[in-house]
Amino acid sequence: MYDFETQRPTIDMLEEKICRCQEQLQLLIECRDRLTAMITFQKKLNEMEKIYIDSLPAIIVASHRAEIPSYDELGKLCYMTIGPEMSRLGCECPEPGYCYTIEHGGYRKENIDIEYCEQVAAMGKDSDIIKFKQIPQAAEAVCMKVYGPYDRLNENIREVLEWIEANGYTITYPPRYSYVDGIWNQEDPEKWLTIIQVPVTR
């Protein structure tokens, strides 16, 4: 009740108000904790969706290694050199198709020492341009889907390598850049899809 002489709330009223504030404060704290837990869970879920473990089967590939001035030349190399030679050699590529590159000496923006590999149905006879290889199975590979132009791959491969180290894995074979969608079927570079695949073991 109010103290009618002073027109001020009584001590009992103030203490009751404090109790209500404490109850509301506790509810807000619990709400904050639940939201924080949801954020933490969502971050972990996003990371799991972005970086994941997959297996890579043993395959046969037709490969070509060359130095190109930039990634812009990769398409030309495939269409004008690798593709025609594979056709001449009678290579059969299983559906849905699987190709990737390996960057020897690490990522570079210029003068890239690159090896292009495409899965084929059977070993063939090597030529000056194409070499056939048997690629062993990778029971585990740390993978990341990357959308966008190829100049973003350096940033993404660093993230993958940091994840591998932080989670106690050891790299067993060089990282692969598997091309799912690119300039051949998507004009918009933001829709290009590359999957980074790094064979690993614990």
N, C-alpha and C. Protein backbone atom coordinates (compact mmCIF):
# COMPACT_ATOMS: atom_id res chain seq x y z
N MET A 1 0.83 -1.20 0.00
CA MET A 1 0.00 0.00 0.00
C MET A 1 0.87 1.25 0.00
N TYR A 2 0.24 2.34 -0.46
CA TYR A 2 0.92 3.62 -0.46
C TYR A 2 0.89 4.23 0.93
N ASP A 3 1.95 5.00 1.20
CA ASP A 3 1.95 5.84 2.39
C ASP A 3 1.26 7.13 1.99
N PHE A 4 -0.03 7.27 2.42
CA PHE A 4 -0.84 8.40 1.93
C PHE A 4 -0.32 9.75 2.44
N GLU A 5 0.44 9.71 3.52
CA GLU A 5 0.95 10.98 4.03
C GLU A 5 2.08 11.51 3.14
N THR A 6 2.91 10.60 2.63
CA THR A 6 4.04 11.04 1.80
C THR A 6 3.80 10.80 0.31
N GLN A 7 2.70 10.08 -0.03
CA GLN A 7 2.39 9.74 -1.41
C GLN A 7 3.53 8.91 -2.06
N ARG A 8 4.19 8.13 -1.22
CA ARG A 8 5.26 7.27 -1.72
C ARG A 8 4.88 5.81 -1.50
N PRO A 9 5.38 4.89 -2.37
CA PRO A 9 5.09 3.48 -2.15
C PRO A 9 5.76 3.00 -0.87
N THR A 10 5.13 2.04 -0.24
CA THR A 10 5.68 1.51 1.01
C THR A 10 6.85 0.58 0.70
N ILE A 11 7.58 0.25 1.77
CA ILE A 11 8.71 -0.68 1.62
C ILE A 11 8.22 -2.03 1.14
N ASP A 12 7.08 -2.48 1.65
CA ASP A 12 6.52 -3.77 1.20
C ASP A 12 6.24 -3.76 -0.29
N MET A 13 5.69 -2.65 -0.77
CA MET A 13 5.38 -2.55 -2.20
C MET A 13 6.66 -2.58 -3.03
N LEU A 14 7.68 -1.88 -2.56
CA LEU A 14 8.95 -1.86 -3.28
C LEU A 14 9.60 -3.25 -3.29
N GLU A 15 9.54 -3.92 -2.15
CA GLU A 15 10.11 -5.27 -2.09
C GLU A 15 9.36 -6.23 -3.00
N GLU A 16 8.06 -6.08 -3.08
CA GLU A 16 7.26 -6.93 -3.98
C GLU A 16 7.62 -6.64 -5.43
N LYS A 17 7.83 -5.38 -5.74
CA LYS A 17 8.22 -4.99 -7.09
C LYS A 17 9.59 -5.57 -7.45
N ILE A 18 10.49 -5.54 -6.48
CA ILE A 18 11.82 -6.11 -6.71
C ILE A 18 11.71 -7.60 -7.00
N CYS A 19 10.85 -8.31 -6.25
CA CYS A 19 10.65 -9.75 -6.48
C CYS A 19 10.15 -10.01 -7.89
N ARG A 20 9.22 -9.19 -8.36
CA ARG A 20 8.69 -9.36 -9.72
C ARG A 20 9.79 -9.10 -10.76
N CYS A 21 10.61 -8.06 -10.48
CA CYS A 21 11.71 -7.77 -11.41
C CYS A 21 12.70 -8.93 -11.46
N GLN A 22 12.95 -9.52 -10.27
CA GLN A 22 13.85 -10.67 -10.21
C GLN A 22 13.31 -11.83 -11.03
N GLU A 23 12.00 -12.07 -10.93
CA GLU A 23 11.37 -13.15 -11.69
C GLU A 23 11.48 -12.88 -13.19
N GLN A 24 11.20 -11.63 -13.59
CA GLN A 24 11.29 -11.27 -15.00
C GLN A 24 12.73 -11.36 -15.49
N LEU A 25 13.67 -10.93 -14.62
CA LEU A 25 15.08 -11.00 -14.99
C LEU A 25 15.51 -12.45 -15.19
N GLN A 26 15.06 -13.35 -14.33
CA GLN A 26 15.41 -14.76 -14.45
C GLN A 26 14.86 -15.35 -15.75
N LEU A 27 13.62 -14.95 -16.08
CA LEU A 27 13.04 -15.41 -17.34
C LEU A 27 13.85 -14.93 -18.53
N LEU A 28 14.29 -13.67 -18.49
CA LEU A 28 15.09 -13.12 -19.58
C LEU A 28 16.45 -13.82 -19.69
N ILE A 29 17.05 -14.13 -18.52
CA ILE A 29 18.32 -14.83 -18.52
C ILE A 29 18.15 -16.22 -19.14
N GLU A 30 17.08 -16.92 -18.77
CA GLU A 30 16.83 -18.25 -19.34
C GLU A 30 16.59 -18.17 -20.84
N CYS A 31 15.86 -17.13 -21.26
CA CYS A 31 15.61 -16.93 -22.69
C CYS A 31 16.91 -16.66 -23.43
N ARG A 32 17.76 -15.80 -22.84
CA ARG A 32 19.06 -15.51 -23.44
C ARG A 32 19.89 -16.77 -23.58
N ASP A 33 19.91 -17.61 -22.53
CA ASP A 33 20.71 -18.84 -22.57
C ASP A 33 20.21 -19.80 -23.63
N ARG A 34 18.88 -19.89 -23.78
CA ARG A 34 18.32 -20.76 -24.82
C ARG A 34 18.70 -20.26 -26.21
N LEU A 35 18.62 -18.95 -26.43
CA LEU A 35 18.98 -18.38 -27.73
C LEU A 35 20.47 -18.58 -28.03
N THR A 36 21.30 -18.40 -27.00
CA THR A 36 22.74 -18.62 -27.18
C THR A 36 23.03 -20.07 -27.55
N ALA A 37 22.34 -21.00 -26.89
CA ALA A 37 22.51 -22.43 -27.20
C ALA A 37 22.06 -22.73 -28.63
N MET A 38 20.97 -22.08 -29.06
CA MET A 38 20.49 -22.28 -30.43
C MET A 38 21.50 -21.77 -31.45
N ILE A 39 22.13 -20.62 -31.16
CA ILE A 39 23.14 -20.07 -32.05
C ILE A 39 24.33 -21.02 -32.15
N THR A 40 24.78 -21.53 -31.01
CA THR A 40 25.91 -22.46 -30.99
C THR A 40 25.60 -23.72 -31.79
N PHE A 41 24.39 -24.25 -31.61
CA PHE A 41 23.98 -25.44 -32.35
C PHE A 41 23.93 -25.15 -33.85
N GLN A 42 23.38 -23.98 -34.22
CA GLN A 42 23.25 -23.63 -35.64
C GLN A 42 24.63 -23.46 -36.29
N LYS A 43 25.56 -22.87 -35.55
CA LYS A 43 26.92 -22.72 -36.08
C LYS A 43 27.55 -24.08 -36.34
N LYS A 44 27.38 -25.00 -35.39
CA LYS A 44 27.92 -26.35 -35.57
C LYS A 44 27.26 -27.05 -36.74
N LEU A 45 25.94 -26.85 -36.88
CA LEU A 45 25.21 -27.47 -37.99
C LEU A 45 25.69 -26.91 -39.32
N ASN A 46 25.87 -25.59 -39.37
CA ASN A 46 26.35 -24.96 -40.61
C ASN A 46 27.72 -25.47 -40.98
N GLU A 47 28.59 -25.64 -39.97
CA GLU A 47 29.94 -26.14 -40.24
C GLU A 47 29.88 -27.58 -40.74
N MET A 48 28.99 -28.39 -40.14
CA MET A 48 28.86 -29.77 -40.57
C MET A 48 28.35 -29.84 -42.00
N GLU A 49 27.45 -28.92 -42.37
CA GLU A 49 26.93 -28.91 -43.73
C GLU A 49 27.96 -28.41 -44.72
N LYS A 50 28.82 -27.49 -44.26
CA LYS A 50 29.82 -26.89 -45.14
C LYS A 50 31.01 -27.82 -45.33
N ILE A 51 31.51 -28.38 -44.25
CA ILE A 51 32.64 -29.31 -44.27
C ILE A 51 32.14 -30.68 -43.81
N TYR A 52 32.36 -31.68 -44.62
CA TYR A 52 31.83 -33.00 -44.29
C TYR A 52 32.83 -34.08 -44.72
N ILE A 53 32.63 -35.28 -44.19
CA ILE A 53 33.49 -36.42 -44.51
C ILE A 53 32.79 -37.30 -45.53
N ASP A 54 33.53 -37.69 -46.56
CA ASP A 54 32.99 -38.58 -47.58
C ASP A 54 34.07 -39.60 -47.95
N SER A 55 33.69 -40.63 -48.68
CA SER A 55 34.66 -41.60 -49.18
C SER A 55 34.80 -41.42 -50.69
N LEU A 56 35.99 -41.68 -51.20
CA LEU A 56 36.26 -41.56 -52.62
C LEU A 56 36.67 -42.93 -53.15
N PRO A 57 35.93 -43.48 -54.11
CA PRO A 57 36.24 -44.84 -54.59
C PRO A 57 37.52 -44.86 -55.43
N ALA A 58 38.09 -46.06 -55.56
CA ALA A 58 39.23 -46.25 -56.46
C ALA A 58 38.75 -46.07 -57.89
N ILE A 59 39.51 -45.32 -58.68
CA ILE A 59 39.10 -45.04 -60.06
C ILE A 59 40.31 -45.07 -60.97
N ILE A 60 40.03 -45.10 -62.26
CA ILE A 60 41.06 -44.92 -63.30
C ILE A 60 40.84 -43.54 -63.90
N VAL A 61 41.91 -42.80 -64.10
CA VAL A 61 41.77 -41.47 -64.68
C VAL A 61 42.71 -41.31 -65.87
N ALA A 62 42.28 -40.45 -66.80
CA ALA A 62 43.15 -39.94 -67.84
C ALA A 62 43.62 -38.58 -67.36
N SER A 63 44.93 -38.38 -67.31
CA SER A 63 45.45 -37.15 -66.73
C SER A 63 46.35 -36.39 -67.71
N HIS A 64 46.38 -35.09 -67.48
CA HIS A 64 47.26 -34.23 -68.27
C HIS A 64 47.80 -33.15 -67.35
N ARG A 65 49.11 -33.02 -67.32
CA ARG A 65 49.74 -32.01 -66.45
C ARG A 65 50.38 -30.93 -67.31
N ALA A 66 50.11 -29.68 -66.92
CA ALA A 66 50.65 -28.56 -67.68
C ALA A 66 50.74 -27.34 -66.79
N GLU A 67 51.48 -26.35 -67.23
CA GLU A 67 51.51 -25.06 -66.54
C GLU A 67 50.65 -24.08 -67.32
N ILE A 68 49.69 -23.48 -66.64
CA ILE A 68 48.81 -22.52 -67.29
C ILE A 68 48.99 -21.16 -66.62
N PRO A 69 48.83 -20.07 -67.38
CA PRO A 69 49.06 -18.74 -66.80
C PRO A 69 48.04 -18.36 -65.73
N SER A 70 46.79 -18.85 -65.88
CA SER A 70 45.74 -18.54 -64.91
C SER A 70 44.62 -19.54 -65.06
N TYR A 71 43.67 -19.50 -64.12
CA TYR A 71 42.53 -20.41 -64.19
C TYR A 71 41.66 -20.15 -65.42
N ASP A 72 41.75 -18.96 -65.96
CA ASP A 72 40.97 -18.64 -67.15
C ASP A 72 41.34 -19.54 -68.33
N GLU A 73 42.53 -20.11 -68.29
CA GLU A 73 43.00 -20.95 -69.39
C GLU A 73 42.62 -22.41 -69.22
N LEU A 74 42.05 -22.76 -68.06
CA LEU A 74 41.74 -24.17 -67.80
C LEU A 74 40.70 -24.70 -68.78
N GLY A 75 39.65 -23.92 -69.02
CA GLY A 75 38.61 -24.35 -69.95
C GLY A 75 39.16 -24.57 -71.34
N LYS A 76 40.00 -23.65 -71.79
CA LYS A 76 40.60 -23.77 -73.12
C LYS A 76 41.47 -25.03 -73.20
N LEU A 77 42.21 -25.30 -72.12
CA LEU A 77 43.06 -26.49 -72.09
C LEU A 77 42.22 -27.76 -72.23
N CYS A 78 41.07 -27.78 -71.55
CA CYS A 78 40.19 -28.96 -71.60
C CYS A 78 39.58 -29.14 -72.98
N TYR A 79 39.06 -28.05 -73.54
CA TYR A 79 38.33 -28.14 -74.81
C TYR A 79 39.26 -28.33 -76.01
N MET A 80 40.42 -27.70 -75.98
CA MET A 80 41.27 -27.67 -77.18
C MET A 80 42.36 -28.74 -77.15
N THR A 81 42.72 -29.21 -75.96
CA THR A 81 43.83 -30.16 -75.87
C THR A 81 43.41 -31.50 -75.29
N ILE A 82 42.89 -31.48 -74.06
CA ILE A 82 42.61 -32.72 -73.35
C ILE A 82 41.44 -33.47 -73.98
N GLY A 83 40.32 -32.77 -74.20
CA GLY A 83 39.13 -33.41 -74.77
C GLY A 83 39.38 -34.09 -76.09
N PRO A 84 39.94 -33.37 -77.08
CA PRO A 84 40.22 -34.02 -78.37
C PRO A 84 41.15 -35.22 -78.27
N GLU A 85 42.15 -35.14 -77.39
CA GLU A 85 43.08 -36.27 -77.27
C GLU A 85 42.41 -37.47 -76.62
N MET A 86 41.58 -37.23 -75.61
CA MET A 86 40.85 -38.34 -75.00
C MET A 86 39.92 -38.98 -76.02
N SER A 87 39.29 -38.18 -76.84
CA SER A 87 38.41 -38.72 -77.89
C SER A 87 39.22 -39.55 -78.89
N ARG A 88 40.37 -39.05 -79.27
CA ARG A 88 41.22 -39.79 -80.21
C ARG A 88 41.66 -41.13 -79.64
N LEU A 89 41.89 -41.17 -78.34
CA LEU A 89 42.33 -42.41 -77.69
C LEU A 89 41.16 -43.35 -77.38
N GLY A 90 39.94 -42.90 -77.65
CA GLY A 90 38.77 -43.75 -77.42
C GLY A 90 38.37 -43.88 -75.96
N CYS A 91 38.64 -42.88 -75.18
CA CYS A 91 38.31 -42.93 -73.76
C CYS A 91 36.80 -42.93 -73.55
N GLU A 92 36.33 -43.79 -72.65
CA GLU A 92 34.93 -43.80 -72.25
C GLU A 92 34.83 -43.30 -70.81
N CYS A 93 33.96 -42.33 -70.60
CA CYS A 93 33.83 -41.72 -69.27
C CYS A 93 32.51 -42.16 -68.63
N PRO A 94 32.55 -42.84 -67.50
CA PRO A 94 31.31 -43.28 -66.83
C PRO A 94 30.44 -42.09 -66.44
N GLU A 95 29.14 -42.30 -66.49
CA GLU A 95 28.20 -41.28 -66.02
C GLU A 95 28.12 -41.31 -64.50
N PRO A 96 27.89 -40.20 -63.80
CA PRO A 96 27.60 -38.87 -64.35
C PRO A 96 28.84 -38.07 -64.71
N GLY A 97 29.99 -38.67 -64.61
CA GLY A 97 31.23 -37.97 -64.93
C GLY A 97 31.88 -37.41 -63.67
N TYR A 98 33.20 -37.53 -63.63
CA TYR A 98 33.94 -37.04 -62.47
C TYR A 98 35.30 -36.57 -62.94
N CYS A 99 35.59 -35.30 -62.72
CA CYS A 99 36.89 -34.75 -63.07
C CYS A 99 37.37 -33.85 -61.95
N TYR A 100 38.66 -33.72 -61.85
CA TYR A 100 39.22 -32.86 -60.81
C TYR A 100 40.61 -32.41 -61.23
N THR A 101 41.12 -31.42 -60.52
CA THR A 101 42.49 -30.97 -60.74
C THR A 101 43.27 -31.07 -59.44
N ILE A 102 44.57 -31.19 -59.59
CA ILE A 102 45.50 -31.12 -58.47
C ILE A 102 46.49 -30.01 -58.79
N GLU A 103 46.74 -29.16 -57.83
CA GLU A 103 47.69 -28.07 -58.02
C GLU A 103 49.02 -28.48 -57.40
N HIS A 104 49.98 -28.81 -58.22
CA HIS A 104 51.29 -29.20 -57.72
C HIS A 104 52.05 -27.95 -57.27
N GLY A 105 52.62 -28.04 -56.09
CA GLY A 105 53.32 -26.88 -55.56
C GLY A 105 52.43 -25.89 -54.84
N GLY A 106 51.14 -26.24 -54.65
CA GLY A 106 50.23 -25.35 -53.92
C GLY A 106 49.54 -24.34 -54.81
N TYR A 107 48.64 -23.60 -54.19
CA TYR A 107 47.81 -22.64 -54.91
C TYR A 107 48.64 -21.46 -55.41
N ARG A 108 48.38 -21.09 -56.67
CA ARG A 108 48.96 -19.88 -57.24
C ARG A 108 47.92 -19.20 -58.11
N LYS A 109 48.01 -17.89 -58.20
CA LYS A 109 47.11 -17.15 -59.08
C LYS A 109 47.63 -17.15 -60.51
N GLU A 110 48.94 -17.29 -60.67
CA GLU A 110 49.55 -17.26 -61.99
C GLU A 110 50.53 -18.43 -62.12
N ASN A 111 50.79 -18.80 -63.39
CA ASN A 111 51.75 -19.88 -63.68
C ASN A 111 51.47 -21.11 -62.81
N ILE A 112 50.27 -21.65 -62.98
CA ILE A 112 49.77 -22.73 -62.14
C ILE A 112 50.22 -24.08 -62.71
N ASP A 113 50.91 -24.86 -61.88
CA ASP A 113 51.30 -26.22 -62.26
C ASP A 113 50.12 -27.13 -61.92
N ILE A 114 49.32 -27.42 -62.92
CA ILE A 114 48.04 -28.09 -62.68
C ILE A 114 47.99 -29.44 -63.39
N GLU A 115 47.36 -30.40 -62.73
CA GLU A 115 47.12 -31.71 -63.33
C GLU A 115 45.62 -31.93 -63.40
N TYR A 116 45.13 -32.13 -64.61
CA TYR A 116 43.70 -32.38 -64.83
C TYR A 116 43.50 -33.89 -64.92
N CYS A 117 42.54 -34.40 -64.16
CA CYS A 117 42.24 -35.84 -64.15
C CYS A 117 40.75 -36.05 -64.43
N GLU A 118 40.43 -36.96 -65.30
CA GLU A 118 39.03 -37.30 -65.58
C GLU A 118 38.86 -38.81 -65.52
N GLN A 119 37.81 -39.25 -64.81
CA GLN A 119 37.57 -40.68 -64.66
C GLN A 119 37.24 -41.31 -66.00
N VAL A 120 37.84 -42.46 -66.25
CA VAL A 120 37.57 -43.23 -67.47
C VAL A 120 37.24 -44.66 -67.08
N ALA A 121 36.65 -45.38 -68.01
CA ALA A 121 36.17 -46.73 -67.72
C ALA A 121 37.30 -47.75 -67.65
N ALA A 122 38.40 -47.50 -68.38
CA ALA A 122 39.47 -48.50 -68.43
C ALA A 122 40.80 -47.84 -68.72
N MET A 123 41.87 -48.54 -68.36
CA MET A 123 43.21 -48.05 -68.68
C MET A 123 43.39 -48.02 -70.20
N GLY A 124 44.10 -47.02 -70.65
CA GLY A 124 44.40 -46.93 -72.07
C GLY A 124 45.91 -46.83 -72.28
N LYS A 125 46.31 -46.61 -73.50
CA LYS A 125 47.72 -46.47 -73.84
C LYS A 125 48.10 -45.00 -73.74
N ASP A 126 49.15 -44.72 -72.98
CA ASP A 126 49.59 -43.34 -72.81
C ASP A 126 49.99 -42.72 -74.14
N SER A 127 49.78 -41.42 -74.20
CA SER A 127 50.25 -40.64 -75.35
C SER A 127 51.12 -39.50 -74.82
N ASP A 128 51.58 -38.65 -75.71
CA ASP A 128 52.38 -37.51 -75.26
C ASP A 128 51.56 -36.54 -74.41
N ILE A 129 50.24 -36.58 -74.57
CA ILE A 129 49.37 -35.63 -73.88
C ILE A 129 48.67 -36.25 -72.69
N ILE A 130 48.21 -37.48 -72.84
CA ILE A 130 47.39 -38.14 -71.81
C ILE A 130 48.16 -39.29 -71.17
N LYS A 131 48.12 -39.34 -69.83
CA LYS A 131 48.68 -40.45 -69.07
C LYS A 131 47.54 -41.10 -68.27
N PHE A 132 47.49 -42.42 -68.26
CA PHE A 132 46.46 -43.13 -67.51
C PHE A 132 47.01 -43.55 -66.15
N LYS A 133 46.16 -43.40 -65.13
CA LYS A 133 46.59 -43.70 -63.76
C LYS A 133 45.47 -44.44 -63.01
N GLN A 134 45.88 -45.29 -62.10
CA GLN A 134 44.94 -45.90 -61.16
C GLN A 134 45.02 -45.11 -59.85
N ILE A 135 43.91 -44.54 -59.45
CA ILE A 135 43.86 -43.74 -58.23
C ILE A 135 43.25 -44.60 -57.12
N PRO A 136 43.96 -44.79 -56.00
CA PRO A 136 43.45 -45.67 -54.94
C PRO A 136 42.24 -45.08 -54.22
N GLN A 137 41.52 -45.95 -53.56
CA GLN A 137 40.37 -45.52 -52.77
C GLN A 137 40.83 -44.65 -51.60
N ALA A 138 40.02 -43.66 -51.27
CA ALA A 138 40.21 -42.88 -50.05
C ALA A 138 39.02 -43.16 -49.15
N ALA A 139 39.24 -43.92 -48.09
CA ALA A 139 38.12 -44.28 -47.20
C ALA A 139 37.49 -43.05 -46.57
N GLU A 140 38.32 -42.03 -46.33
CA GLU A 140 37.82 -40.78 -45.77
C GLU A 140 38.43 -39.60 -46.52
N ALA A 141 37.60 -38.64 -46.83
CA ALA A 141 38.07 -37.39 -47.43
C ALA A 141 37.30 -36.24 -46.81
N VAL A 142 38.01 -35.21 -46.42
CA VAL A 142 37.35 -34.00 -45.91
C VAL A 142 36.95 -33.16 -47.12
N CYS A 143 35.66 -32.83 -47.20
CA CYS A 143 35.12 -32.18 -48.39
C CYS A 143 34.44 -30.86 -48.03
N MET A 144 34.46 -29.95 -48.99
CA MET A 144 33.75 -28.68 -48.84
C MET A 144 33.19 -28.27 -50.20
N LYS A 145 31.91 -27.89 -50.23
CA LYS A 145 31.29 -27.35 -51.44
C LYS A 145 31.56 -25.85 -51.51
N VAL A 146 32.04 -25.41 -52.66
CA VAL A 146 32.37 -24.00 -52.85
C VAL A 146 31.62 -23.47 -54.07
N TYR A 147 30.79 -22.46 -53.86
CA TYR A 147 30.10 -21.80 -54.96
C TYR A 147 30.82 -20.50 -55.31
N GLY A 148 31.01 -20.27 -56.59
CA GLY A 148 31.60 -19.01 -57.02
C GLY A 148 32.82 -19.22 -57.90
N PRO A 149 33.44 -18.12 -58.33
CA PRO A 149 34.61 -18.20 -59.22
C PRO A 149 35.80 -18.84 -58.52
N TYR A 150 36.75 -19.27 -59.33
CA TYR A 150 37.85 -20.08 -58.82
C TYR A 150 38.84 -19.31 -57.95
N ASP A 151 38.83 -17.98 -58.04
CA ASP A 151 39.79 -17.23 -57.23
C ASP A 151 39.44 -17.29 -55.74
N ARG A 152 38.29 -17.88 -55.38
CA ARG A 152 37.93 -18.05 -53.97
C ARG A 152 38.47 -19.34 -53.38
N LEU A 153 38.98 -20.21 -54.23
CA LEU A 153 39.38 -21.53 -53.76
C LEU A 153 40.52 -21.47 -52.75
N ASN A 154 41.42 -20.50 -52.91
CA ASN A 154 42.55 -20.41 -51.99
C ASN A 154 42.07 -20.19 -50.55
N GLU A 155 41.12 -19.28 -50.39
CA GLU A 155 40.57 -19.01 -49.06
C GLU A 155 39.89 -20.25 -48.49
N ASN A 156 39.17 -20.97 -49.35
CA ASN A 156 38.43 -22.16 -48.89
C ASN A 156 39.35 -23.32 -48.55
N ILE A 157 40.40 -23.53 -49.35
CA ILE A 157 41.30 -24.64 -49.05
C ILE A 157 42.03 -24.38 -47.75
N ARG A 158 42.32 -23.14 -47.45
CA ARG A 158 42.93 -22.82 -46.15
C ARG A 158 42.00 -23.20 -45.00
N GLU A 159 40.72 -22.91 -45.17
CA GLU A 159 39.75 -23.26 -44.13
C GLU A 159 39.67 -24.77 -43.95
N VAL A 160 39.69 -25.50 -45.05
CA VAL A 160 39.65 -26.97 -44.99
C VAL A 160 40.90 -27.51 -44.29
N LEU A 161 42.06 -26.98 -44.64
CA LEU A 161 43.30 -27.47 -44.04
C LEU A 161 43.35 -27.16 -42.55
N GLU A 162 42.84 -26.00 -42.16
CA GLU A 162 42.78 -25.67 -40.73
C GLU A 162 41.84 -26.62 -39.99
N TRP A 163 40.71 -26.97 -40.64
CA TRP A 163 39.74 -27.89 -40.04
C TRP A 163 40.38 -29.27 -39.87
N ILE A 164 41.12 -29.71 -40.88
CA ILE A 164 41.78 -31.02 -40.82
C ILE A 164 42.76 -31.07 -39.65
N GLU A 165 43.56 -30.04 -39.51
CA GLU A 165 44.54 -30.00 -38.41
C GLU A 165 43.84 -29.95 -37.05
N ALA A 166 42.80 -29.13 -36.96
CA ALA A 166 42.09 -28.96 -35.67
C ALA A 166 41.39 -30.24 -35.25
N ASN A 167 41.01 -31.09 -36.20
CA ASN A 167 40.26 -32.29 -35.88
C ASN A 167 41.11 -33.57 -35.91
N GLY A 168 42.42 -33.41 -35.94
CA GLY A 168 43.31 -34.55 -35.76
C GLY A 168 43.47 -35.47 -36.96
N TYR A 169 43.24 -34.96 -38.18
CA TYR A 169 43.42 -35.78 -39.38
C TYR A 169 44.80 -35.53 -40.00
N THR A 170 45.23 -36.49 -40.82
CA THR A 170 46.47 -36.35 -41.58
C THR A 170 46.15 -36.51 -43.06
N ILE A 171 46.67 -35.62 -43.88
CA ILE A 171 46.44 -35.68 -45.33
C ILE A 171 47.25 -36.82 -45.93
N THR A 172 46.59 -37.65 -46.75
CA THR A 172 47.26 -38.81 -47.35
C THR A 172 47.57 -38.61 -48.84
N TYR A 173 46.78 -37.80 -49.53
CA TYR A 173 47.00 -37.53 -50.94
C TYR A 173 46.72 -36.05 -51.20
N PRO A 174 47.24 -35.49 -52.27
CA PRO A 174 47.03 -34.06 -52.53
C PRO A 174 45.55 -33.70 -52.65
N PRO A 175 45.18 -32.49 -52.24
CA PRO A 175 43.78 -32.04 -52.37
C PRO A 175 43.32 -32.05 -53.83
N ARG A 176 42.06 -32.42 -54.00
CA ARG A 176 41.45 -32.39 -55.33
C ARG A 176 40.43 -31.26 -55.40
N TYR A 177 40.30 -30.68 -56.58
CA TYR A 177 39.25 -29.70 -56.84
C TYR A 177 38.33 -30.31 -57.90
N SER A 178 37.19 -30.81 -57.45
CA SER A 178 36.27 -31.50 -58.35
C SER A 178 35.25 -30.50 -58.89
N TYR A 179 35.15 -30.42 -60.22
CA TYR A 179 34.31 -29.41 -60.87
C TYR A 179 32.96 -30.01 -61.23
N VAL A 180 31.91 -29.51 -60.57
CA VAL A 180 30.55 -30.01 -60.79
C VAL A 180 29.81 -29.12 -61.78
N ASP A 181 29.81 -27.83 -61.51
CA ASP A 181 29.21 -26.85 -62.43
C ASP A 181 30.23 -25.76 -62.69
N GLY A 182 30.30 -25.32 -63.94
CA GLY A 182 31.26 -24.28 -64.30
C GLY A 182 30.81 -23.54 -65.53
N ILE A 183 31.75 -22.89 -66.20
CA ILE A 183 31.41 -22.05 -67.34
C ILE A 183 30.75 -22.84 -68.47
N TRP A 184 30.99 -24.17 -68.50
CA TRP A 184 30.41 -24.99 -69.57
C TRP A 184 28.90 -25.14 -69.45
N ASN A 185 28.34 -24.93 -68.24
CA ASN A 185 26.88 -25.05 -68.11
C ASN A 185 26.26 -23.95 -67.26
N GLN A 186 27.08 -23.02 -66.73
CA GLN A 186 26.56 -21.91 -65.94
C GLN A 186 27.27 -20.63 -66.34
N GLU A 187 26.54 -19.68 -66.91
CA GLU A 187 27.16 -18.42 -67.30
C GLU A 187 27.50 -17.57 -66.08
N ASP A 188 26.69 -17.66 -65.04
CA ASP A 188 26.90 -16.86 -63.83
C ASP A 188 27.97 -17.52 -62.96
N PRO A 189 29.15 -16.88 -62.78
CA PRO A 189 30.21 -17.49 -61.97
C PRO A 189 29.78 -17.80 -60.54
N GLU A 190 28.78 -17.07 -60.01
CA GLU A 190 28.33 -17.33 -58.65
C GLU A 190 27.65 -18.69 -58.53
N LYS A 191 27.26 -19.29 -59.64
CA LYS A 191 26.61 -20.60 -59.64
C LYS A 191 27.60 -21.74 -59.91
N TRP A 192 28.84 -21.41 -60.14
CA TRP A 192 29.83 -22.46 -60.35
C TRP A 192 30.00 -23.23 -59.04
N LEU A 193 30.04 -24.55 -59.13
CA LEU A 193 30.19 -25.40 -57.95
C LEU A 193 31.45 -26.25 -58.07
N THR A 194 32.32 -26.08 -57.11
CA THR A 194 33.53 -26.88 -57.00
C THR A 194 33.53 -27.57 -55.64
N ILE A 195 33.90 -28.84 -55.61
CA ILE A 195 34.00 -29.55 -54.34
C ILE A 195 35.47 -29.81 -54.05
N ILE A 196 35.94 -29.24 -52.94
CA ILE A 196 37.30 -29.55 -52.48
C ILE A 196 37.26 -30.90 -51.78
N GLN A 197 38.15 -31.80 -52.16
CA GLN A 197 38.21 -33.15 -51.59
C GLN A 197 39.65 -33.44 -51.15
N VAL A 198 39.83 -33.67 -49.87
CA VAL A 198 41.18 -33.93 -49.33
C VAL A 198 41.19 -35.30 -48.67
N PRO A 199 41.81 -36.32 -49.30
CA PRO A 199 41.90 -37.64 -48.67
C PRO A 199 42.70 -37.56 -47.37
N VAL A 200 42.17 -38.18 -46.32
CA VAL A 200 42.79 -38.08 -45.00
C VAL A 200 42.74 -39.42 -44.27
N THR A 201 43.48 -39.47 -43.16
CA THR A 201 43.40 -40.59 -42.23
C THR A 201 43.64 -40.03 -40.83
N ARG A 202 43.25 -40.77 -39.81
CA ARG A 202 43.51 -40.34 -38.42
C ARG A 202 44.80 -40.98 -37.91
